[in-house]
Amino acid sequence: MTNNKYSYETKLESVRLLNEGVPGRKICKIFGLKSDGLIYTWRKYVRNGYYYRLNQKPEKQYKYNKGNLELPSNVRKDMEIKQMKEELEVIKNI
């Protein structure tokens, strides 16, 4: 059994759809997700402000944003700016 990898954008979009009232099973069919439990976990991360958890690889679930410390500072800053913009879009739709 292998771990499926989903993009950050897919995760945010699925959370946005869930917040709009689309059933989890339907979102799974749209994006080809393994189960709807993933979406509810991602939504929990978004509600608690743990957006960095959405960016981490499945085998690298670090707490406190440790996974991003391995990246060069300019890449990390670009990721943070992009992440903030996407977070604002999700918050606007809640």
C-alpha atoms as a PDB file:
ATOM      1  CA  MET A   1       0.000   0.000   0.000  1.00  0.00           C
ATOM      2  CA  THR A   2       1.399   3.407  -0.929  1.00  0.00           C
ATOM      3  CA  ASN A   3       0.744   6.843   0.460  1.00  0.00           C
ATOM      4  CA  ASN A   4      -1.116   9.138  -1.876  1.00  0.00           C
ATOM      5  CA  LYS A   5       0.260  12.641  -2.257  1.00  0.00           C
ATOM      6  CA  TYR A   6      -2.102  15.524  -2.812  1.00  0.00           C
ATOM      7  CA  SER A   7      -1.102  19.070  -3.679  1.00  0.00           C
ATOM      8  CA  TYR A   8      -1.561  21.955  -1.288  1.00  0.00           C
ATOM      9  CA  GLU A   9      -4.052  23.527  -3.700  1.00  0.00           C
ATOM     10  CA  THR A  10      -6.126  20.333  -3.840  1.00  0.00           C
ATOM     11  CA  LYS A  11      -6.277  20.201  -0.062  1.00  0.00           C
ATOM     12  CA  LEU A  12      -7.357  23.831   0.268  1.00  0.00           C
ATOM     13  CA  GLU A  13      -9.920  23.516  -2.513  1.00  0.00           C
ATOM     14  CA  SER A  14     -11.432  20.396  -0.965  1.00  0.00           C
ATOM     15  CA  VAL A  15     -11.711  22.161   2.410  1.00  0.00           C
ATOM     16  CA  ARG A  16     -13.338  25.138   0.712  1.00  0.00           C
ATOM     17  CA  LEU A  17     -15.901  22.885  -0.989  1.00  0.00           C
ATOM     18  CA  LEU A  18     -16.601  21.096   2.291  1.00  0.00           C
ATOM     19  CA  ASN A  19     -17.210  24.439   3.996  1.00  0.00           C
ATOM     20  CA  GLU A  20     -19.638  25.366   1.223  1.00  0.00           C
ATOM     21  CA  GLY A  21     -21.713  22.269   2.004  1.00  0.00           C
ATOM     22  CA  VAL A  22     -20.566  19.808  -0.662  1.00  0.00           C
ATOM     23  CA  PRO A  23     -20.624  16.246   0.768  1.00  0.00           C
ATOM     24  CA  GLY A  24     -17.248  14.661   1.515  1.00  0.00           C
ATOM     25  CA  ARG A  25     -17.908  11.646  -0.713  1.00  0.00           C
ATOM     26  CA  LYS A  26     -18.605  13.886  -3.681  1.00  0.00           C
ATOM     27  CA  ILE A  27     -15.375  15.816  -3.090  1.00  0.00           C
ATOM     28  CA  CYS A  28     -13.511  12.499  -3.016  1.00  0.00           C
ATOM     29  CA  LYS A  29     -14.896  11.637  -6.437  1.00  0.00           C
ATOM     30  CA  ILE A  30     -14.050  15.072  -7.837  1.00  0.00           C
ATOM     31  CA  PHE A  31     -10.413  15.034  -6.724  1.00  0.00           C
ATOM     32  CA  GLY A  32      -9.812  11.279  -6.600  1.00  0.00           C
ATOM     33  CA  LEU A  33      -9.136  11.246  -2.864  1.00  0.00           C
ATOM     34  CA  LYS A  34      -8.724   8.024  -0.941  1.00  0.00           C
ATOM     35  CA  SER A  35     -11.357   8.816   1.725  1.00  0.00           C
ATOM     36  CA  ASP A  36     -13.424  11.683   3.029  1.00  0.00           C
ATOM     37  CA  GLY A  37     -11.696  11.421   6.404  1.00  0.00           C
ATOM     38  CA  LEU A  38      -8.727  13.199   4.857  1.00  0.00           C
ATOM     39  CA  ILE A  39     -10.825  16.259   4.105  1.00  0.00           C
ATOM     40  CA  TYR A  40     -12.105  16.486   7.663  1.00  0.00           C
ATOM     41  CA  THR A  41      -8.530  16.244   8.958  1.00  0.00           C
ATOM     42  CA  TRP A  42      -7.430  18.988   6.572  1.00  0.00           C
ATOM     43  CA  ARG A  43     -10.358  21.139   7.682  1.00  0.00           C
ATOM     44  CA  LYS A  44      -9.275  20.665  11.303  1.00  0.00           C
ATOM     45  CA  TYR A  45      -5.781  21.875  10.368  1.00  0.00           C
ATOM     46  CA  VAL A  46      -7.241  24.936   8.622  1.00  0.00           C
ATOM     47  CA  ARG A  47      -9.536  25.776  11.551  1.00  0.00           C
ATOM     48  CA  ASN A  48      -6.656  25.543  14.022  1.00  0.00           C
ATOM     49  CA  GLY A  49      -4.291  27.524  11.772  1.00  0.00           C
ATOM     50  CA  TYR A  50      -1.908  24.628  11.084  1.00  0.00           C
ATOM     51  CA  TYR A  51      -1.555  25.386   7.374  1.00  0.00           C
ATOM     52  CA  TYR A  52       2.022  24.072   7.373  1.00  0.00           C
ATOM     53  CA  ARG A  53       0.608  20.591   8.024  1.00  0.00           C
ATOM     54  CA  LEU A  54      -1.030  20.710   4.574  1.00  0.00           C
ATOM     55  CA  ASN A  55       2.353  21.325   2.918  1.00  0.00           C
ATOM     56  CA  GLN A  56       4.239  18.475   4.551  1.00  0.00           C
ATOM     57  CA  LYS A  57       4.894  15.136   2.922  1.00  0.00           C
ATOM     58  CA  PRO A  58       2.841  12.191   4.255  1.00  0.00           C
ATOM     59  CA  GLU A  59       5.868  10.617   5.925  1.00  0.00           C
ATOM     60  CA  LYS A  60       7.119  13.936   7.347  1.00  0.00           C
ATOM     61  CA  GLN A  61       4.369  15.121   9.685  1.00  0.00           C
ATOM     62  CA  TYR A  62       6.486  17.439  11.831  1.00  0.00           C
ATOM     63  CA  LYS A  63       4.986  19.755  14.352  1.00  0.00           C
ATOM     64  CA  TYR A  64       5.970  23.393  14.722  1.00  0.00           C
ATOM     65  CA  ASN A  65       6.823  23.863  11.040  1.00  0.00           C
ATOM     66  CA  LYS A  66      10.126  21.929  11.276  1.00  0.00           C
ATOM     67  CA  GLY A  67       9.753  20.448   7.790  1.00  0.00           C
ATOM     68  CA  ASN A  68      10.048  23.870   6.154  1.00  0.00           C
ATOM     69  CA  LEU A  69      13.296  24.720   7.947  1.00  0.00           C
ATOM     70  CA  GLU A  70      15.187  22.463   5.541  1.00  0.00           C
ATOM     71  CA  LEU A  71      14.355  24.788   2.627  1.00  0.00           C
ATOM     72  CA  PRO A  72      16.423  27.841   1.615  1.00  0.00           C
ATOM     73  CA  SER A  73      15.165  31.086   3.147  1.00  0.00           C
ATOM     74  CA  ASN A  74      14.058  32.673  -0.143  1.00  0.00           C
ATOM     75  CA  VAL A  75      12.010  29.586  -1.084  1.00  0.00           C
ATOM     76  CA  ARG A  76      10.524  29.470   2.413  1.00  0.00           C
ATOM     77  CA  LYS A  77       9.507  33.155   2.205  1.00  0.00           C
ATOM     78  CA  ASP A  78       7.879  32.651  -1.198  1.00  0.00           C
ATOM     79  CA  MET A  79       5.957  29.662   0.169  1.00  0.00           C
ATOM     80  CA  GLU A  80       4.809  31.687   3.180  1.00  0.00           C
ATOM     81  CA  ILE A  81       3.543  34.528   0.977  1.00  0.00           C
ATOM     82  CA  LYS A  82       1.695  32.111  -1.305  1.00  0.00           C
ATOM     83  CA  GLN A  83       0.281  30.284   1.722  1.00  0.00           C
ATOM     84  CA  MET A  84      -0.997  33.518   3.288  1.00  0.00           C
ATOM     85  CA  LYS A  85      -2.777  34.478   0.068  1.00  0.00           C
ATOM     86  CA  GLU A  86      -4.434  31.055  -0.131  1.00  0.00           C
ATOM     87  CA  GLU A  87      -5.402  31.198   3.545  1.00  0.00           C
ATOM     88  CA  LEU A  88      -7.107  34.533   2.961  1.00  0.00           C
ATOM     89  CA  GLU A  89      -9.118  33.021   0.113  1.00  0.00           C
ATOM     90  CA  VAL A  90     -10.276  30.156   2.346  1.00  0.00           C
ATOM     91  CA  ILE A  91     -11.163  32.529   5.187  1.00  0.00           C
ATOM     92  CA  LYS A  92     -13.165  34.761   2.827  1.00  0.00           C
ATOM     93  CA  ASN A  93     -15.302  31.767   1.827  1.00  0.00           C
ATOM     94  CA  ILE A  94     -16.077  30.622   5.393  1.00  0.00           C
END
